Amino acid sequence: MPQITVDYSERLADGFDRPAFARDLHTAVVEIAAAKPPACKTRFRHTEDVVVGPDTDGHALVHVHIGLLPGRTDDTKARLTETVLELLRRYVKAEQGVTLHASAEIRDLDASYRKFEE
C-alpha cells in the first residue's frame, strides 16, 4: 500500500517525466496520507487508442488511480487528489495542438487486499 497505477496516452510518452512524477507523488502520499516510503509502488501503463467525444485525434489522457488502506478522511483524499493534479501539470507536457485530459482518483482498497514480499 499504496497501490498506484498511471494510465497515459502513448502520445505522451516523450513529454511525461515518469520517474520524477513517481518520486514526487510518493513524497506527497507519505506527507498527506501517512504512507510509508518503501510501501509506495507505482506502475505506468500506456494506452494506444484514445477517443474523446467524437474525436479520435487531438487528445491525450492521463489518469492516476491510488488505492489506499481504509481510514483516510475524504478531506485527506481530496487534498491528495489535488496534489496529484498539480504534479501532472508539472510533469506532463502534451505536444502543441493536443488537449490534455488529466484526472485522478483515490479509493480505499477492498478488505480482501493482501500482499507479500520475498
Foldseek 3Di string as FASTA:
>chain_A
DWEKEKEKAPQQVVQFPVVVLQVVLLVLCCVLVVDDSVVDDYDYHYDHFDDDVPDRDQEMEMEMEIEDAPDDDPVSQVVSFVVSVVSCVVGTDHPPSHHYDYGYGYYYDDPPDDDDDD
